N, C-alpha and C. Protein backbone atom coordinates (compact mmCIF):
# COMPACT_ATOMS: atom_id res chain seq x y z
N UNK A 1 273.69 203.25 277.40
CA UNK A 1 274.67 202.41 276.73
C UNK A 1 273.96 201.24 276.05
N UNK A 2 274.52 200.76 274.95
CA UNK A 2 273.89 199.70 274.17
C UNK A 2 274.47 198.33 274.53
N UNK A 3 273.74 197.30 274.10
CA UNK A 3 274.20 195.94 274.34
C UNK A 3 275.51 195.66 273.62
N UNK A 4 275.72 196.34 272.47
CA UNK A 4 276.95 196.13 271.71
C UNK A 4 278.18 196.48 272.53
N UNK A 5 278.08 197.57 273.31
CA UNK A 5 279.21 197.99 274.14
C UNK A 5 279.52 196.98 275.23
N UNK A 6 278.54 196.15 275.59
CA UNK A 6 278.72 195.16 276.63
C UNK A 6 278.94 193.75 276.06
N UNK A 7 279.04 193.62 274.74
CA UNK A 7 279.10 192.30 274.12
C UNK A 7 280.29 191.48 274.64
N UNK A 8 281.44 192.11 274.81
CA UNK A 8 282.61 191.40 275.32
C UNK A 8 282.38 190.93 276.75
N UNK A 9 281.71 191.76 277.56
CA UNK A 9 281.45 191.38 278.95
C UNK A 9 280.47 190.22 279.03
N UNK A 10 279.47 190.20 278.16
CA UNK A 10 278.55 189.06 278.12
C UNK A 10 279.32 187.77 277.81
N UNK A 11 280.24 187.85 276.85
CA UNK A 11 281.01 186.67 276.47
C UNK A 11 281.92 186.22 277.62
N UNK A 12 282.57 187.16 278.27
CA UNK A 12 283.46 186.83 279.38
C UNK A 12 282.67 186.26 280.56
N UNK A 13 281.46 186.77 280.78
CA UNK A 13 280.63 186.27 281.87
C UNK A 13 280.21 184.83 281.62
N UNK A 14 279.87 184.51 280.36
CA UNK A 14 279.52 183.13 280.03
C UNK A 14 280.69 182.20 280.30
N UNK A 15 281.88 182.59 279.89
CA UNK A 15 283.07 181.76 280.10
C UNK A 15 283.31 181.53 281.59
N UNK A 16 283.15 182.61 282.39
CA UNK A 16 283.37 182.49 283.83
C UNK A 16 282.30 181.60 284.48
N UNK A 17 281.05 181.79 284.07
CA UNK A 17 279.98 181.00 284.65
C UNK A 17 280.16 179.51 284.34
N UNK A 18 280.62 179.20 283.15
CA UNK A 18 280.83 177.80 282.78
C UNK A 18 281.88 177.13 283.67
N UNK A 19 282.75 177.93 284.31
CA UNK A 19 283.78 177.39 285.19
C UNK A 19 283.42 177.53 286.67
N UNK A 20 282.23 178.05 286.94
CA UNK A 20 281.87 178.40 288.32
C UNK A 20 281.41 177.21 289.16
N UNK A 21 281.57 177.35 290.45
CA UNK A 21 281.09 176.36 291.40
C UNK A 21 279.57 176.34 291.44
N UNK A 22 278.95 177.52 291.32
CA UNK A 22 277.50 177.60 291.44
C UNK A 22 276.82 176.95 290.24
N UNK A 23 277.47 176.94 289.09
CA UNK A 23 276.88 176.24 287.94
C UNK A 23 276.81 174.75 288.22
N UNK A 24 277.85 174.22 288.84
CA UNK A 24 277.86 172.80 289.19
C UNK A 24 276.73 172.47 290.17
N UNK A 25 276.47 173.39 291.11
CA UNK A 25 275.36 173.18 292.05
C UNK A 25 274.03 173.16 291.30
N UNK A 26 273.86 174.12 290.39
CA UNK A 26 272.61 174.20 289.63
C UNK A 26 272.39 172.93 288.82
N UNK A 27 273.42 172.46 288.15
CA UNK A 27 273.29 171.25 287.33
C UNK A 27 272.98 170.04 288.19
N UNK A 28 273.60 169.96 289.37
CA UNK A 28 273.34 168.83 290.27
C UNK A 28 271.89 168.81 290.75
N UNK A 29 271.30 170.00 290.85
CA UNK A 29 269.91 170.10 291.32
C UNK A 29 268.92 170.18 290.16
N UNK A 30 269.42 170.06 288.93
CA UNK A 30 268.54 170.11 287.77
C UNK A 30 267.98 171.49 287.50
N UNK A 31 268.72 172.52 287.93
CA UNK A 31 268.27 173.90 287.76
C UNK A 31 269.04 174.59 286.62
N UNK A 32 268.44 175.64 286.06
CA UNK A 32 269.10 176.45 285.05
C UNK A 32 269.06 177.90 285.53
N UNK A 33 270.12 178.31 286.20
CA UNK A 33 270.15 179.64 286.81
C UNK A 33 270.84 180.68 285.92
N UNK A 34 271.97 180.30 285.35
CA UNK A 34 272.72 181.20 284.46
C UNK A 34 273.14 182.49 285.16
N UNK A 35 273.06 183.63 284.47
CA UNK A 35 273.66 184.87 284.98
C UNK A 35 272.97 186.09 284.37
N UNK A 36 273.17 187.23 285.02
CA UNK A 36 272.71 188.53 284.51
C UNK A 36 273.77 189.57 284.85
N UNK A 37 273.78 190.63 284.10
CA UNK A 37 274.75 191.71 284.31
C UNK A 37 274.10 192.92 284.97
N UNK A 38 272.89 193.25 284.56
CA UNK A 38 272.18 194.39 285.16
C UNK A 38 270.70 194.23 284.90
N UNK A 39 269.89 194.98 285.66
CA UNK A 39 268.44 194.89 285.52
C UNK A 39 267.84 196.17 284.94
N UNK A 40 268.68 197.15 284.65
CA UNK A 40 268.21 198.43 284.12
C UNK A 40 269.16 198.88 283.01
N UNK A 41 268.77 199.94 282.33
CA UNK A 41 269.70 200.56 281.40
C UNK A 41 270.85 201.18 282.20
N UNK A 42 271.96 201.39 281.56
CA UNK A 42 273.15 201.92 282.23
C UNK A 42 273.50 203.27 281.60
N UNK A 43 273.55 204.30 282.45
CA UNK A 43 273.89 205.65 282.01
C UNK A 43 275.17 206.07 282.73
N UNK A 44 276.27 206.24 282.02
CA UNK A 44 277.53 206.64 282.65
C UNK A 44 277.37 207.94 283.44
N UNK A 45 278.08 208.00 284.59
CA UNK A 45 278.04 209.18 285.43
C UNK A 45 276.87 209.21 286.40
N UNK A 46 276.16 208.09 286.52
CA UNK A 46 274.98 208.03 287.40
C UNK A 46 275.23 207.08 288.57
N UNK A 47 274.36 207.17 289.57
CA UNK A 47 274.46 206.27 290.73
C UNK A 47 274.10 204.85 290.31
N UNK A 48 274.70 203.89 291.01
CA UNK A 48 274.49 202.49 290.69
C UNK A 48 274.19 201.72 291.97
N UNK A 49 273.04 201.06 292.01
CA UNK A 49 272.69 200.20 293.14
C UNK A 49 273.33 198.83 292.92
N UNK A 50 274.09 198.37 293.93
CA UNK A 50 274.85 197.13 293.78
C UNK A 50 274.48 196.16 294.90
N UNK A 51 273.99 194.99 294.51
CA UNK A 51 273.71 193.93 295.47
C UNK A 51 274.78 192.87 295.46
N UNK A 52 274.52 191.76 296.11
CA UNK A 52 275.51 190.68 296.17
C UNK A 52 275.44 189.78 294.94
N UNK A 53 274.28 189.13 294.72
CA UNK A 53 274.11 188.33 293.50
C UNK A 53 272.63 188.19 293.18
N UNK A 54 272.33 187.70 291.99
CA UNK A 54 270.96 187.56 291.54
C UNK A 54 270.32 186.32 292.15
N UNK A 55 269.07 186.43 292.54
CA UNK A 55 268.36 185.30 293.11
C UNK A 55 267.74 184.42 292.04
N UNK A 56 267.32 183.24 292.45
CA UNK A 56 266.66 182.30 291.56
C UNK A 56 265.60 181.53 292.34
N UNK A 57 264.43 181.40 291.75
CA UNK A 57 263.37 180.63 292.37
C UNK A 57 263.56 179.14 292.05
N UNK A 58 263.16 178.29 292.97
CA UNK A 58 263.25 176.85 292.75
C UNK A 58 262.41 176.44 291.55
N UNK A 59 262.99 175.62 290.68
CA UNK A 59 262.33 175.07 289.49
C UNK A 59 261.98 176.14 288.44
N UNK A 60 262.55 177.32 288.58
CA UNK A 60 262.33 178.36 287.56
C UNK A 60 263.52 178.36 286.60
N UNK A 61 263.26 178.56 285.33
CA UNK A 61 264.32 178.56 284.32
C UNK A 61 264.72 180.00 284.03
N UNK A 62 266.02 180.26 284.04
CA UNK A 62 266.54 181.59 283.74
C UNK A 62 267.50 181.50 282.55
N UNK A 63 267.27 182.32 281.57
CA UNK A 63 268.16 182.37 280.42
C UNK A 63 269.32 183.32 280.71
N UNK A 64 270.48 183.07 280.11
CA UNK A 64 271.59 184.01 280.28
C UNK A 64 271.25 185.36 279.65
N UNK A 65 271.59 186.43 280.33
CA UNK A 65 271.30 187.76 279.78
C UNK A 65 272.20 188.02 278.58
N UNK A 66 271.62 188.60 277.55
CA UNK A 66 272.40 188.92 276.35
C UNK A 66 272.14 190.34 275.85
N UNK A 67 271.26 191.07 276.55
CA UNK A 67 270.96 192.45 276.15
C UNK A 67 270.89 193.33 277.39
N UNK A 68 271.24 194.60 277.23
CA UNK A 68 271.09 195.57 278.31
C UNK A 68 269.64 196.07 278.28
N UNK A 69 268.93 196.02 279.41
CA UNK A 69 267.53 196.48 279.42
C UNK A 69 267.39 197.95 279.02
N UNK A 70 266.23 198.28 278.50
CA UNK A 70 265.95 199.67 278.14
C UNK A 70 265.28 200.42 279.29
N UNK A 71 264.66 199.70 280.22
CA UNK A 71 263.93 200.34 281.30
C UNK A 71 264.88 200.96 282.32
N UNK A 72 264.45 202.08 282.90
CA UNK A 72 265.21 202.73 283.95
C UNK A 72 264.75 202.21 285.31
N UNK A 73 265.55 202.46 286.34
CA UNK A 73 265.17 202.07 287.69
C UNK A 73 263.89 202.80 288.12
N UNK A 74 263.79 204.08 287.77
CA UNK A 74 262.60 204.85 288.15
C UNK A 74 261.35 204.31 287.43
N UNK A 75 261.52 203.79 286.21
CA UNK A 75 260.39 203.16 285.52
C UNK A 75 259.95 201.91 286.25
N UNK A 76 260.92 201.10 286.68
CA UNK A 76 260.59 199.87 287.41
C UNK A 76 259.90 200.18 288.73
N UNK A 77 260.26 201.32 289.35
CA UNK A 77 259.62 201.70 290.60
C UNK A 77 258.12 201.93 290.44
N UNK A 78 257.71 202.28 289.24
CA UNK A 78 256.30 202.57 288.97
C UNK A 78 255.52 201.32 288.58
N UNK A 79 256.22 200.20 288.37
CA UNK A 79 255.55 198.99 287.93
C UNK A 79 255.45 198.00 289.10
N UNK A 80 254.23 197.73 289.56
CA UNK A 80 254.04 196.87 290.74
C UNK A 80 254.75 195.52 290.61
N UNK A 81 255.48 195.18 291.67
CA UNK A 81 256.13 193.88 291.72
C UNK A 81 257.48 193.79 291.05
N UNK A 82 257.86 194.78 290.27
CA UNK A 82 259.11 194.69 289.52
C UNK A 82 260.34 194.73 290.44
N UNK A 83 260.29 195.56 291.48
CA UNK A 83 261.47 195.73 292.33
C UNK A 83 261.25 195.20 293.75
N UNK A 84 260.12 194.60 294.00
CA UNK A 84 259.87 194.03 295.31
C UNK A 84 260.02 195.06 296.42
N UNK A 85 260.81 194.72 297.44
CA UNK A 85 260.94 195.59 298.61
C UNK A 85 261.68 196.90 298.30
N UNK A 86 262.37 196.97 297.16
CA UNK A 86 263.13 198.17 296.86
C UNK A 86 262.24 199.37 296.56
N UNK A 87 260.95 199.12 296.39
CA UNK A 87 260.02 200.24 296.24
C UNK A 87 260.07 201.13 297.48
N UNK A 88 260.48 200.56 298.62
CA UNK A 88 260.49 201.31 299.88
C UNK A 88 261.62 202.33 299.96
N UNK A 89 262.60 202.25 299.09
CA UNK A 89 263.69 203.23 299.15
C UNK A 89 263.46 204.41 298.22
N UNK A 90 262.33 204.42 297.54
CA UNK A 90 262.06 205.48 296.58
C UNK A 90 262.17 206.86 297.21
N UNK A 91 261.54 207.04 298.37
CA UNK A 91 261.54 208.37 299.00
C UNK A 91 262.93 208.78 299.45
N UNK A 92 263.78 207.79 299.79
CA UNK A 92 265.14 208.13 300.21
C UNK A 92 266.00 208.52 299.01
N UNK A 93 265.80 207.82 297.91
CA UNK A 93 266.51 208.20 296.68
C UNK A 93 266.12 209.61 296.26
N UNK A 94 264.83 209.93 296.37
CA UNK A 94 264.35 211.25 295.97
C UNK A 94 264.87 212.33 296.90
N UNK A 95 265.14 211.97 298.16
CA UNK A 95 265.62 212.95 299.13
C UNK A 95 267.12 213.17 299.06
N UNK A 96 267.87 212.09 298.89
CA UNK A 96 269.32 212.18 299.06
C UNK A 96 270.11 212.22 297.75
N UNK A 97 269.49 211.90 296.63
CA UNK A 97 270.20 211.97 295.36
C UNK A 97 269.69 213.17 294.55
N UNK A 98 270.56 213.76 293.75
CA UNK A 98 270.11 214.87 292.89
C UNK A 98 268.96 214.42 292.00
N UNK A 99 267.96 215.27 291.86
CA UNK A 99 266.78 214.91 291.05
C UNK A 99 267.17 214.55 289.62
N UNK A 100 268.22 215.19 289.13
CA UNK A 100 268.65 214.91 287.76
C UNK A 100 269.17 213.49 287.60
N UNK A 101 269.55 212.84 288.71
CA UNK A 101 270.10 211.48 288.65
C UNK A 101 269.04 210.39 288.79
N UNK A 102 267.85 210.75 289.28
CA UNK A 102 266.87 209.73 289.63
C UNK A 102 266.49 208.85 288.44
N UNK A 103 266.36 209.44 287.26
CA UNK A 103 265.96 208.66 286.09
C UNK A 103 267.08 207.80 285.56
N UNK A 104 268.30 208.06 285.99
CA UNK A 104 269.45 207.37 285.41
C UNK A 104 270.11 206.36 286.35
N UNK A 105 269.49 206.10 287.50
CA UNK A 105 270.05 205.12 288.43
C UNK A 105 270.10 203.75 287.77
N UNK A 106 271.19 203.05 287.96
CA UNK A 106 271.31 201.69 287.44
C UNK A 106 271.27 200.67 288.56
N UNK A 107 271.04 199.42 288.21
CA UNK A 107 271.01 198.37 289.22
C UNK A 107 271.76 197.14 288.71
N UNK A 108 272.64 196.62 289.56
CA UNK A 108 273.44 195.45 289.20
C UNK A 108 273.77 194.68 290.47
N UNK A 109 274.61 193.65 290.34
CA UNK A 109 275.12 192.89 291.47
C UNK A 109 276.61 192.65 291.28
N UNK A 110 277.34 192.54 292.37
CA UNK A 110 278.78 192.27 292.28
C UNK A 110 279.02 190.92 291.62
N UNK A 111 278.27 189.91 292.05
CA UNK A 111 278.37 188.58 291.44
C UNK A 111 277.26 188.44 290.41
N UNK A 112 277.63 188.19 289.17
CA UNK A 112 276.64 188.10 288.09
C UNK A 112 275.91 186.76 288.06
N UNK A 113 276.39 185.77 288.82
CA UNK A 113 275.81 184.43 288.78
C UNK A 113 274.57 184.34 289.67
N UNK A 114 273.57 183.63 289.20
CA UNK A 114 272.35 183.42 289.99
C UNK A 114 272.52 182.25 290.96
N UNK A 115 271.75 182.31 292.04
CA UNK A 115 271.68 181.18 292.97
C UNK A 115 270.38 181.29 293.75
N UNK A 116 269.96 180.17 294.34
CA UNK A 116 268.73 180.20 295.13
C UNK A 116 268.93 180.92 296.45
N UNK A 117 270.11 180.69 297.08
CA UNK A 117 270.49 181.42 298.30
C UNK A 117 271.92 181.90 298.12
N UNK A 118 272.26 183.01 298.77
CA UNK A 118 273.58 183.60 298.49
C UNK A 118 274.73 182.76 299.02
N UNK A 119 274.46 181.87 299.99
CA UNK A 119 275.54 181.02 300.50
C UNK A 119 276.00 179.99 299.48
N UNK A 120 275.25 179.80 298.40
CA UNK A 120 275.68 178.90 297.33
C UNK A 120 276.78 179.53 296.47
N UNK A 121 277.00 180.83 296.64
CA UNK A 121 278.09 181.51 295.96
C UNK A 121 279.35 181.34 296.80
N UNK A 122 280.34 180.67 296.25
CA UNK A 122 281.56 180.35 296.98
C UNK A 122 282.67 181.36 296.65
N UNK A 123 283.74 181.39 297.47
CA UNK A 123 284.84 182.33 297.21
C UNK A 123 285.39 182.24 295.79
N UNK A 124 285.43 181.03 295.23
CA UNK A 124 285.94 180.89 293.86
C UNK A 124 285.03 181.60 292.85
N UNK A 125 283.72 181.60 293.12
CA UNK A 125 282.79 182.31 292.26
C UNK A 125 283.04 183.81 292.32
N UNK A 126 283.29 184.31 293.53
CA UNK A 126 283.55 185.74 293.69
C UNK A 126 284.85 186.16 293.01
N UNK A 127 285.84 185.27 293.04
CA UNK A 127 287.08 185.57 292.33
C UNK A 127 286.86 185.64 290.83
N UNK A 128 286.02 184.75 290.31
CA UNK A 128 285.69 184.78 288.89
C UNK A 128 284.97 186.08 288.51
N UNK A 129 284.17 186.59 289.44
CA UNK A 129 283.38 187.78 289.14
C UNK A 129 284.14 189.09 289.35
N UNK A 130 285.25 189.05 290.07
CA UNK A 130 285.99 190.28 290.34
C UNK A 130 286.39 191.01 289.06
N UNK A 131 287.05 190.37 288.10
CA UNK A 131 287.39 191.09 286.87
C UNK A 131 286.17 191.46 286.03
N UNK A 132 285.10 190.66 286.14
CA UNK A 132 283.88 190.98 285.40
C UNK A 132 283.25 192.26 285.93
N UNK A 133 283.18 192.36 287.25
CA UNK A 133 282.58 193.56 287.83
C UNK A 133 283.47 194.78 287.60
N UNK A 134 284.76 194.58 287.62
CA UNK A 134 285.68 195.68 287.33
C UNK A 134 285.46 196.19 285.91
N UNK A 135 285.29 195.28 284.97
CA UNK A 135 285.02 195.68 283.59
C UNK A 135 283.67 196.38 283.49
N UNK A 136 282.69 195.90 284.24
CA UNK A 136 281.38 196.55 284.25
C UNK A 136 281.51 198.00 284.72
N UNK A 137 282.29 198.23 285.77
CA UNK A 137 282.48 199.59 286.27
C UNK A 137 283.20 200.46 285.23
N UNK A 138 284.12 199.86 284.52
CA UNK A 138 284.83 200.59 283.48
C UNK A 138 283.87 201.09 282.40
N UNK A 139 282.89 200.26 282.07
CA UNK A 139 281.90 200.63 281.07
C UNK A 139 280.86 201.59 281.63
N UNK A 140 280.38 201.31 282.84
CA UNK A 140 279.28 202.09 283.42
C UNK A 140 279.73 203.44 283.96
N UNK A 141 280.99 203.55 284.42
CA UNK A 141 281.51 204.81 284.96
C UNK A 141 280.54 205.44 285.96
N UNK A 142 280.14 204.72 287.01
CA UNK A 142 279.15 205.27 287.96
C UNK A 142 279.73 206.40 288.80
N UNK A 143 278.87 207.32 289.20
CA UNK A 143 279.30 208.40 290.09
C UNK A 143 279.45 207.90 291.51
N UNK A 144 278.54 207.03 291.94
CA UNK A 144 278.55 206.45 293.29
C UNK A 144 277.94 205.06 293.23
N UNK A 145 278.25 204.26 294.25
CA UNK A 145 277.64 202.94 294.40
C UNK A 145 276.82 202.93 295.68
N UNK A 146 275.62 202.39 295.62
CA UNK A 146 274.77 202.23 296.79
C UNK A 146 274.55 200.74 297.03
N UNK A 147 274.94 200.26 298.21
CA UNK A 147 274.78 198.85 298.51
C UNK A 147 273.84 198.67 299.71
N UNK A 148 272.91 197.72 299.58
CA UNK A 148 271.98 197.39 300.65
C UNK A 148 272.20 195.95 301.11
N UNK A 149 273.36 195.41 300.80
CA UNK A 149 273.67 194.01 301.09
C UNK A 149 274.76 193.92 302.15
N UNK A 150 274.44 193.34 303.30
CA UNK A 150 275.46 193.14 304.34
C UNK A 150 276.46 192.07 303.90
N UNK A 151 276.00 191.11 303.09
CA UNK A 151 276.93 190.08 302.58
C UNK A 151 277.99 190.73 301.69
N UNK A 152 277.59 191.65 300.83
CA UNK A 152 278.56 192.33 299.98
C UNK A 152 279.48 193.20 300.81
N UNK A 153 278.93 193.93 301.77
CA UNK A 153 279.74 194.77 302.66
C UNK A 153 280.81 193.94 303.35
N UNK A 154 280.42 192.80 303.92
CA UNK A 154 281.36 191.97 304.67
C UNK A 154 282.41 191.36 303.74
N UNK A 155 281.99 190.98 302.53
CA UNK A 155 282.96 190.41 301.59
C UNK A 155 283.99 191.45 301.17
N UNK A 156 283.54 192.66 300.84
CA UNK A 156 284.47 193.69 300.40
C UNK A 156 285.46 194.05 301.50
N UNK A 157 284.99 194.03 302.74
CA UNK A 157 285.88 194.29 303.87
C UNK A 157 286.92 193.17 304.01
N UNK A 158 286.46 191.94 303.99
CA UNK A 158 287.36 190.81 304.19
C UNK A 158 288.36 190.68 303.04
N UNK A 159 287.95 191.12 301.85
CA UNK A 159 288.83 191.03 300.68
C UNK A 159 289.73 192.26 300.54
N UNK A 160 289.63 193.18 301.51
CA UNK A 160 290.45 194.40 301.51
C UNK A 160 290.24 195.21 300.23
N UNK A 161 288.99 195.34 299.82
CA UNK A 161 288.67 196.07 298.60
C UNK A 161 288.09 197.46 298.89
N UNK A 162 288.12 197.87 300.17
CA UNK A 162 287.60 199.18 300.54
C UNK A 162 288.73 200.08 301.02
N UNK A 163 288.72 201.33 300.57
CA UNK A 163 289.68 202.33 301.00
C UNK A 163 289.01 203.31 301.95
N UNK A 164 289.64 203.58 303.08
CA UNK A 164 289.16 204.56 304.07
C UNK A 164 287.70 204.36 304.45
N UNK A 165 287.30 203.14 304.83
CA UNK A 165 285.91 202.94 305.24
C UNK A 165 285.62 203.62 306.58
N UNK A 166 284.44 204.19 306.70
CA UNK A 166 283.97 204.80 307.94
C UNK A 166 282.61 204.19 308.27
N UNK A 167 282.35 203.99 309.58
CA UNK A 167 281.14 203.27 309.98
C UNK A 167 280.44 203.98 311.13
N UNK A 168 279.13 203.77 311.18
CA UNK A 168 278.35 204.18 312.35
C UNK A 168 277.36 203.06 312.66
N UNK A 169 277.08 202.82 313.94
CA UNK A 169 276.13 201.78 314.33
C UNK A 169 274.72 202.34 314.35
N UNK A 170 273.85 201.72 313.58
CA UNK A 170 272.43 202.10 313.55
C UNK A 170 271.65 200.99 314.25
N UNK A 171 270.91 201.30 315.31
CA UNK A 171 270.23 200.25 316.08
C UNK A 171 269.10 199.58 315.30
N UNK A 172 269.06 198.25 315.40
CA UNK A 172 267.95 197.46 314.88
C UNK A 172 267.14 196.97 316.07
N UNK A 173 266.09 196.25 315.81
CA UNK A 173 265.32 195.69 316.92
C UNK A 173 266.16 194.70 317.70
N UNK A 174 267.04 194.02 316.99
CA UNK A 174 268.00 193.13 317.63
C UNK A 174 269.38 193.43 317.05
N UNK A 175 270.26 193.97 317.87
CA UNK A 175 271.60 194.27 317.40
C UNK A 175 271.70 195.62 316.71
N UNK A 176 272.71 195.77 315.85
CA UNK A 176 272.93 197.03 315.14
C UNK A 176 273.25 196.73 313.68
N UNK A 177 273.03 197.74 312.85
CA UNK A 177 273.45 197.68 311.46
C UNK A 177 274.59 198.68 311.28
N UNK A 178 275.64 198.26 310.60
CA UNK A 178 276.77 199.15 310.35
C UNK A 178 276.59 199.86 309.02
N UNK A 179 276.12 201.10 309.10
CA UNK A 179 276.06 201.94 307.91
C UNK A 179 277.45 202.49 307.67
N UNK A 180 277.82 202.64 306.42
CA UNK A 180 279.18 203.09 306.17
C UNK A 180 279.39 203.69 304.80
N UNK A 181 280.59 204.18 304.62
CA UNK A 181 280.97 204.78 303.34
C UNK A 181 282.48 204.65 303.17
N UNK A 182 282.92 204.72 301.95
CA UNK A 182 284.34 204.60 301.62
C UNK A 182 284.48 204.60 300.12
N UNK A 183 285.54 203.96 299.64
CA UNK A 183 285.76 203.83 298.21
C UNK A 183 286.04 202.37 297.88
N UNK A 184 285.34 201.89 296.87
CA UNK A 184 285.63 200.55 296.37
C UNK A 184 286.88 200.64 295.51
N UNK A 185 287.87 199.83 295.83
CA UNK A 185 289.14 199.84 295.11
C UNK A 185 289.29 198.51 294.39
N UNK A 186 288.98 198.52 293.11
CA UNK A 186 288.95 197.28 292.35
C UNK A 186 289.79 197.43 291.10
N UNK A 187 290.94 196.76 291.09
CA UNK A 187 291.85 196.78 289.94
C UNK A 187 292.13 198.22 289.49
N UNK A 188 292.59 199.03 290.45
CA UNK A 188 293.00 200.41 290.23
C UNK A 188 291.84 201.32 289.83
N UNK A 189 290.64 200.88 290.12
CA UNK A 189 289.46 201.72 289.85
C UNK A 189 288.79 202.01 291.18
N UNK A 190 288.67 203.28 291.55
CA UNK A 190 288.10 203.66 292.83
C UNK A 190 286.79 204.40 292.63
N UNK A 191 285.75 203.93 293.34
CA UNK A 191 284.42 204.52 293.22
C UNK A 191 283.84 204.69 294.62
N UNK A 192 283.27 205.86 294.94
CA UNK A 192 282.63 206.03 296.25
C UNK A 192 281.50 205.00 296.43
N UNK A 193 281.44 204.41 297.62
CA UNK A 193 280.40 203.41 297.89
C UNK A 193 279.79 203.68 299.26
N UNK A 194 278.48 203.48 299.36
CA UNK A 194 277.73 203.70 300.60
C UNK A 194 276.97 202.43 300.95
N UNK A 195 277.00 202.07 302.24
CA UNK A 195 276.34 200.86 302.72
C UNK A 195 275.15 201.25 303.58
N UNK A 196 273.96 200.87 303.14
CA UNK A 196 272.71 201.30 303.76
C UNK A 196 271.84 200.10 304.11
N UNK A 197 270.90 200.25 305.05
CA UNK A 197 270.06 199.12 305.45
C UNK A 197 269.18 198.64 304.30
N UNK A 198 269.08 197.34 304.15
CA UNK A 198 268.19 196.76 303.15
C UNK A 198 266.75 197.15 303.48
N UNK A 199 265.93 197.35 302.46
CA UNK A 199 264.52 197.73 302.71
C UNK A 199 263.78 196.75 303.61
N UNK A 200 264.20 195.49 303.65
CA UNK A 200 263.52 194.49 304.48
C UNK A 200 264.06 194.41 305.91
N UNK A 201 265.15 195.14 306.20
CA UNK A 201 265.68 195.09 307.56
C UNK A 201 264.67 195.64 308.55
N UNK A 202 264.52 194.96 309.71
CA UNK A 202 263.57 195.43 310.74
C UNK A 202 264.15 196.62 311.48
N UNK A 203 264.00 197.78 310.91
CA UNK A 203 264.62 198.99 311.45
C UNK A 203 263.59 200.12 311.45
N UNK A 204 263.59 200.92 312.50
CA UNK A 204 262.64 202.01 312.57
C UNK A 204 262.99 203.10 311.56
N UNK A 205 261.97 203.85 311.17
CA UNK A 205 262.16 204.87 310.14
C UNK A 205 263.20 205.91 310.56
N UNK A 206 263.19 206.28 311.83
CA UNK A 206 264.15 207.27 312.31
C UNK A 206 265.59 206.74 312.17
N UNK A 207 265.79 205.45 312.49
CA UNK A 207 267.12 204.86 312.37
C UNK A 207 267.54 204.76 310.91
N UNK A 208 266.60 204.46 310.03
CA UNK A 208 266.92 204.38 308.61
C UNK A 208 267.34 205.76 308.09
N UNK A 209 266.65 206.78 308.55
CA UNK A 209 267.02 208.15 308.14
C UNK A 209 268.41 208.50 308.67
N UNK A 210 268.75 208.01 309.87
CA UNK A 210 270.09 208.27 310.40
C UNK A 210 271.16 207.64 309.51
N UNK A 211 270.89 206.44 309.03
CA UNK A 211 271.86 205.77 308.17
C UNK A 211 272.07 206.55 306.87
N UNK A 212 270.99 206.97 306.25
CA UNK A 212 271.10 207.76 305.02
C UNK A 212 271.76 209.10 305.29
N UNK A 213 271.40 209.72 306.42
CA UNK A 213 271.98 211.01 306.76
C UNK A 213 273.47 210.92 307.03
N UNK A 214 273.90 209.79 307.59
CA UNK A 214 275.33 209.59 307.83
C UNK A 214 276.09 209.49 306.51
N UNK A 215 275.50 208.78 305.55
CA UNK A 215 276.15 208.59 304.26
C UNK A 215 276.10 209.85 303.39
N UNK A 216 275.07 210.66 303.58
CA UNK A 216 274.90 211.86 302.76
C UNK A 216 274.72 213.08 303.66
N UNK A 217 275.74 213.45 304.43
CA UNK A 217 275.60 214.55 305.41
C UNK A 217 275.38 215.91 304.77
N UNK A 218 275.80 216.11 303.54
CA UNK A 218 275.63 217.41 302.90
C UNK A 218 274.18 217.71 302.56
N UNK A 219 273.37 216.65 302.50
CA UNK A 219 271.95 216.85 302.18
C UNK A 219 271.17 217.24 303.42
N UNK A 220 271.45 216.55 304.53
CA UNK A 220 270.76 216.84 305.79
C UNK A 220 271.80 216.92 306.91
N UNK A 221 272.53 218.03 307.03
CA UNK A 221 273.60 218.15 308.02
C UNK A 221 273.12 217.98 309.45
N UNK A 222 271.87 218.33 309.76
CA UNK A 222 271.36 218.17 311.13
C UNK A 222 271.28 216.69 311.49
N UNK A 223 270.73 215.90 310.54
CA UNK A 223 270.66 214.44 310.77
C UNK A 223 272.05 213.86 310.95
N UNK A 224 272.97 214.33 310.13
CA UNK A 224 274.31 213.77 310.16
C UNK A 224 275.00 214.01 311.49
N UNK A 225 274.80 215.19 312.08
CA UNK A 225 275.47 215.49 313.35
C UNK A 225 274.89 214.69 314.50
N UNK A 226 273.71 214.14 314.33
CA UNK A 226 273.09 213.37 315.40
C UNK A 226 273.33 211.87 315.28
N UNK A 227 274.11 211.45 314.28
CA UNK A 227 274.27 210.01 314.09
C UNK A 227 275.28 209.40 315.02
N UNK A 228 276.24 210.16 315.47
CA UNK A 228 277.25 209.62 316.37
C UNK A 228 278.24 208.73 315.67
């Protein structure tokens, strides 16, 4: 998809950001965080990785996004440092997603506004982003959503934006991670969504495989039956 198709969304995002709580925080701290819509090209009918919001380094200047990137997620995986810890999910994407989809995976965040820490994003900011993300889904038409953010998972649950969620407890070194699946229901638009451990979570490889196997049982039915 081209930047022209997203031109209205860029304009609406600017208007929303100008009214946001997080912009006021940035200005008070002398920061320029702005916003982004996606970090990869967008191919309709493909899987979409969705986080909570974009990060910002202290004293770093960020310009508002005005173009859709040309690079694919798989291209970024080959470039050192581009995706940080997400390089660790490459083998899981290759195992659990159709090979034909790997080159077309997109990456975005539910909240388009940047912040230094995610707690700087307030409920009012999330309300501003709800119609923006809904419009993004309308344009992107993703086949599935993959989320590695517990903050996004908890927000969607509390906001009653999930239909028929199912969960399994995956043990961590301390506590458990709730892997899950369901449908994101946003302004009459329903998309399958899967909640998986973040690449940085302190979790053993076997437990991580259980989480993926629970979400994608048709790929590895043996793993799925052992998840409990």
